[in-house]
Protein backbone atom coordinates (compact mmCIF):
# COMPACT_ATOMS: atom_id res chain seq x y z
CA MET A 1 29.33 13.57 -109.96
CA PHE A 2 29.10 17.07 -111.46
CA ARG A 3 28.99 18.56 -107.99
CA LEU A 4 32.66 17.62 -107.73
CA GLU A 5 35.32 20.26 -108.22
CA PRO A 6 36.46 20.51 -111.87
CA ARG A 7 40.04 21.41 -112.65
CA PHE A 8 42.45 21.65 -115.53
CA LEU A 9 44.63 18.54 -115.73
CA TRP A 10 46.80 18.51 -118.87
CA ALA A 11 47.39 19.97 -122.33
CA ALA A 12 48.85 17.82 -125.10
CA LYS A 13 50.03 18.78 -128.58
CA THR A 14 50.82 15.24 -129.74
CA MET A 15 50.14 11.66 -128.68
CA ALA A 16 53.55 11.62 -127.01
CA ASP A 17 52.39 14.46 -124.74
CA LEU A 18 49.26 12.71 -123.44
CA PRO A 19 48.85 12.22 -119.69
CA PRO A 20 49.13 8.69 -118.28
CA MET A 21 45.87 6.79 -118.58
CA GLY A 22 43.72 6.73 -115.47
CA ALA A 23 40.05 7.58 -114.99
CA PRO A 24 37.48 6.94 -117.74
CA GLU A 25 37.62 9.64 -120.42
CA ILE A 26 35.05 11.22 -122.68
CA CYS A 27 35.84 13.81 -125.32
CA PHE A 28 34.12 16.56 -127.25
CA ALA A 29 34.89 16.78 -130.96
CA GLY A 30 33.43 19.16 -133.51
CA ARG A 31 33.99 21.87 -136.07
CA SER A 32 35.68 25.07 -134.99
CA ASN A 33 33.25 27.47 -133.31
CA VAL A 34 30.62 24.75 -132.70
CA GLY A 35 30.64 25.56 -128.99
CA LYS A 36 32.84 22.86 -127.43
CA SER A 37 34.47 25.04 -124.77
CA SER A 38 31.17 26.70 -123.86
CA LEU A 39 29.60 23.26 -123.43
CA VAL A 40 32.43 22.07 -121.17
CA ASN A 41 31.90 25.15 -118.99
CA ALA A 42 28.14 24.61 -118.82
CA LEU A 43 28.61 20.95 -118.05
CA VAL A 44 30.81 21.52 -115.00
CA GLY A 45 29.17 24.79 -113.94
CA ARG A 46 32.36 26.84 -114.25
CA LYS A 47 32.26 29.70 -116.75
CA GLY A 48 35.98 30.17 -117.21
CA LEU A 49 37.30 26.60 -117.02
CA ALA A 50 37.55 26.03 -120.76
CA ARG A 51 38.52 28.99 -122.90
CA ALA A 52 35.64 30.00 -125.17
CA SER A 53 36.15 32.45 -128.01
CA SER A 54 34.35 33.83 -131.04
CA GLU A 55 37.56 33.25 -133.01
CA PRO A 56 37.52 29.74 -134.56
CA GLY A 57 40.41 27.45 -133.69
CA ARG A 58 41.39 28.87 -130.30
CA THR A 59 41.68 25.37 -128.80
CA ARG A 60 44.96 24.18 -130.32
CA GLU A 61 45.81 21.30 -127.99
CA LEU A 62 44.00 18.34 -126.45
CA ILE A 63 42.85 19.90 -123.18
CA PHE A 64 42.15 17.50 -120.29
CA PHE A 65 39.90 18.45 -117.38
CA THR A 66 39.15 16.20 -114.44
CA LEU A 67 36.42 15.78 -111.84
CA ALA A 68 37.78 14.47 -108.55
CA GLY A 69 36.42 14.14 -105.04
CA LYS A 70 37.99 15.29 -101.77
CA ASP A 71 39.87 12.01 -101.78
CA GLU A 72 41.61 13.21 -104.99
CA VAL A 73 40.36 10.13 -106.84
CA GLU A 74 39.44 11.09 -110.41
CA ARG A 75 35.91 10.09 -111.42
CA VAL A 76 36.05 11.13 -115.06
CA ARG A 77 38.20 13.13 -117.46
CA ILE A 78 36.71 15.48 -120.03
CA VAL A 79 38.82 16.19 -123.11
CA ASP A 80 38.24 19.30 -125.22
CA LEU A 81 39.66 18.51 -128.66
CA PRO A 82 40.87 21.07 -131.21
CA GLY A 83 38.12 22.01 -133.63
CA TYR A 84 38.30 20.85 -137.22
CA GLY A 85 37.43 22.98 -140.21
CA HIS A 86 38.13 26.71 -140.39
CA ALA A 87 40.66 28.04 -137.89
CA VAL A 88 42.95 31.05 -137.66
CA ALA A 89 46.25 29.16 -137.66
CA SER A 90 49.00 28.02 -139.99
CA LYS A 91 48.52 24.95 -142.18
CA THR A 92 51.34 23.23 -140.31
CA GLU A 93 49.72 23.82 -136.93
CA ILE A 94 46.29 22.73 -138.17
CA ALA A 95 47.81 19.53 -139.61
CA ARG A 96 49.60 18.82 -136.31
CA TRP A 97 46.49 19.06 -134.14
CA ASN A 98 44.36 17.17 -136.67
CA ILE A 99 46.85 14.27 -136.56
CA ALA A 100 46.95 14.35 -132.75
CA THR A 101 43.16 14.34 -132.54
CA LYS A 102 42.74 11.44 -134.96
CA ASP A 103 45.43 9.39 -133.21
CA PHE A 104 43.78 10.05 -129.84
CA LEU A 105 40.35 9.00 -131.10
CA ARG A 106 41.76 5.79 -132.59
CA GLY A 107 44.13 4.70 -129.86
CA ARG A 108 43.17 5.67 -126.30
CA ALA A 109 42.07 2.66 -124.24
CA THR A 110 40.46 4.75 -121.47
CA LEU A 111 38.35 6.77 -123.93
CA LYS A 112 34.78 5.59 -123.42
CA ARG A 113 32.87 7.79 -125.85
CA ALA A 114 33.31 10.69 -128.22
CA PHE A 115 30.58 13.29 -128.20
CA VAL A 116 30.53 14.82 -131.68
CA LEU A 117 29.11 18.33 -131.60
CA ILE A 118 27.06 19.53 -134.56
CA ASP A 119 25.76 23.10 -134.86
CA SER A 120 21.99 22.58 -135.06
CA ARG A 121 21.65 25.59 -137.38
CA HIS A 122 23.82 23.95 -140.05
CA GLY A 123 23.43 20.19 -139.57
CA VAL A 124 25.97 17.53 -140.51
CA LYS A 125 28.67 18.79 -142.89
CA PRO A 126 31.19 16.83 -145.02
CA ASN A 127 34.03 17.21 -142.49
CA ASP A 128 31.69 15.88 -139.78
CA LEU A 129 31.04 12.82 -141.94
CA GLU A 130 34.80 12.24 -142.24
CA VAL A 131 35.10 12.16 -138.44
CA LEU A 132 32.09 9.85 -138.08
CA SER A 133 33.58 7.44 -140.62
CA MET A 134 36.88 7.46 -138.76
CA LEU A 135 35.10 6.70 -135.46
CA ASP A 136 33.15 3.87 -137.12
CA SER A 137 36.41 2.46 -138.45
CA ALA A 138 38.01 2.68 -134.98
CA ALA A 139 34.91 1.09 -133.39
CA LEU A 140 34.80 3.93 -130.85
CA SER A 141 31.33 4.65 -129.50
CA TYR A 142 30.18 8.19 -130.33
CA GLN A 143 27.08 10.25 -129.76
CA ILE A 144 25.83 13.33 -131.59
CA VAL A 145 25.23 16.50 -129.60
CA LEU A 146 23.29 19.21 -131.43
CA THR A 147 24.45 22.58 -130.09
CA LYS A 148 22.84 26.05 -130.01
CA VAL A 149 19.31 24.64 -130.17
CA ASP A 150 17.95 27.81 -128.54
CA LYS A 151 18.48 29.47 -131.93
CA LEU A 152 15.89 27.20 -133.63
CA LYS A 153 12.13 26.94 -133.53
CA LYS A 154 10.73 23.55 -132.51
CA GLY A 155 9.80 22.55 -136.05
CA GLU A 156 13.28 23.44 -137.29
CA LEU A 157 14.91 21.44 -134.50
CA ASP A 158 12.69 18.42 -135.18
CA ALA A 159 13.76 18.54 -138.84
CA VAL A 160 17.47 18.67 -137.92
CA ILE A 161 17.10 15.77 -135.49
CA SER A 162 15.30 13.71 -138.14
CA ALA A 163 17.96 14.46 -140.77
CA THR A 164 20.72 13.57 -138.32
CA GLN A 165 19.02 10.29 -137.45
CA GLU A 166 19.03 9.41 -141.15
CA VAL A 167 22.79 10.04 -141.29
CA LEU A 168 23.37 7.70 -138.34
CA LYS A 169 21.17 4.80 -139.46
CA LYS A 170 23.91 2.65 -140.96
CA ARG A 171 26.79 3.79 -138.76
CA PRO A 172 27.82 0.92 -136.46
CA ALA A 173 29.54 2.95 -133.71
CA ALA A 174 26.87 5.64 -133.42
CA HIS A 175 24.77 5.87 -130.26
CA PRO A 176 21.11 6.06 -131.34
CA ASP A 177 20.11 8.92 -129.02
CA ILE A 178 20.79 12.46 -130.24
CA LEU A 179 21.29 15.10 -127.54
CA PRO A 180 19.97 18.63 -128.26
CA VAL A 181 21.68 21.20 -126.03
CA SER A 182 22.13 24.89 -125.47
CA SER A 183 24.98 26.04 -123.25
CA HIS A 184 23.50 29.53 -123.07
CA GLU A 185 20.03 28.39 -121.97
CA GLN A 186 21.14 25.24 -120.11
CA ILE A 187 18.93 23.10 -122.36
CA GLY A 188 19.81 19.39 -122.29
CA ILE A 189 22.78 19.82 -119.94
CA GLY A 190 21.30 17.51 -117.29
CA ARG A 191 20.72 14.76 -119.83
CA LEU A 192 24.28 15.06 -121.12
CA ARG A 193 25.59 14.84 -117.56
CA ASP A 194 23.59 11.65 -117.06
CA GLU A 195 25.11 10.12 -120.20
CA ILE A 196 28.62 10.93 -119.05
CA ALA A 197 27.99 9.66 -115.51
CA SER A 198 26.78 6.35 -116.93
CA LEU A 199 30.17 5.89 -118.62
CA SER A 200 32.16 6.29 -115.42
CA VAL A 201 32.93 2.94 -113.81
CA ILE A 202 34.14 4.59 -110.61
CA ASP A 203 31.72 5.27 -107.76
CA ALA A 204 31.15 9.04 -107.74
CA SER A 205 29.57 9.24 -104.27
């Protein structure tokens, strides 16, 4: 499926701006500067598809990308959500995209799973826990993706994975498998692709 041509589909500032529902959707959520856009680019093998920046909060809309075959049938949509936490933006703008993100996560029928990105160097933070609790409450399946694992030694990564597993133990909507990845070193990208492909109900041949 990830040999298909990726393309930008839609940008939405509010729930009213969302594209019509169609193909199965997955989304990437996470703190600002956790590496969401870089991961989208690594996933689809296109460096400039999603805008990556060292400035936190550059993604200020819900950005939809699609993978479609030559028949133009969409196989899956990938949604890059605005980061939560620190961002260089006004309080009004931050509040707007936070509301849009929460509404999307709670009320999109075609959304199959949220992949919640956690910086492996810092582990789960309080604002991550807020998002996990909201996803549990919405009964939306989510899976933790530990980013930037190339920055850690094996023992350090093992400790972060173990601590994250403890956080997830009593969370009903959490997928039990944690995915360690590095966009820079292409670590874990194949496994993440397999997870996403398994969520698509459309034949990707």
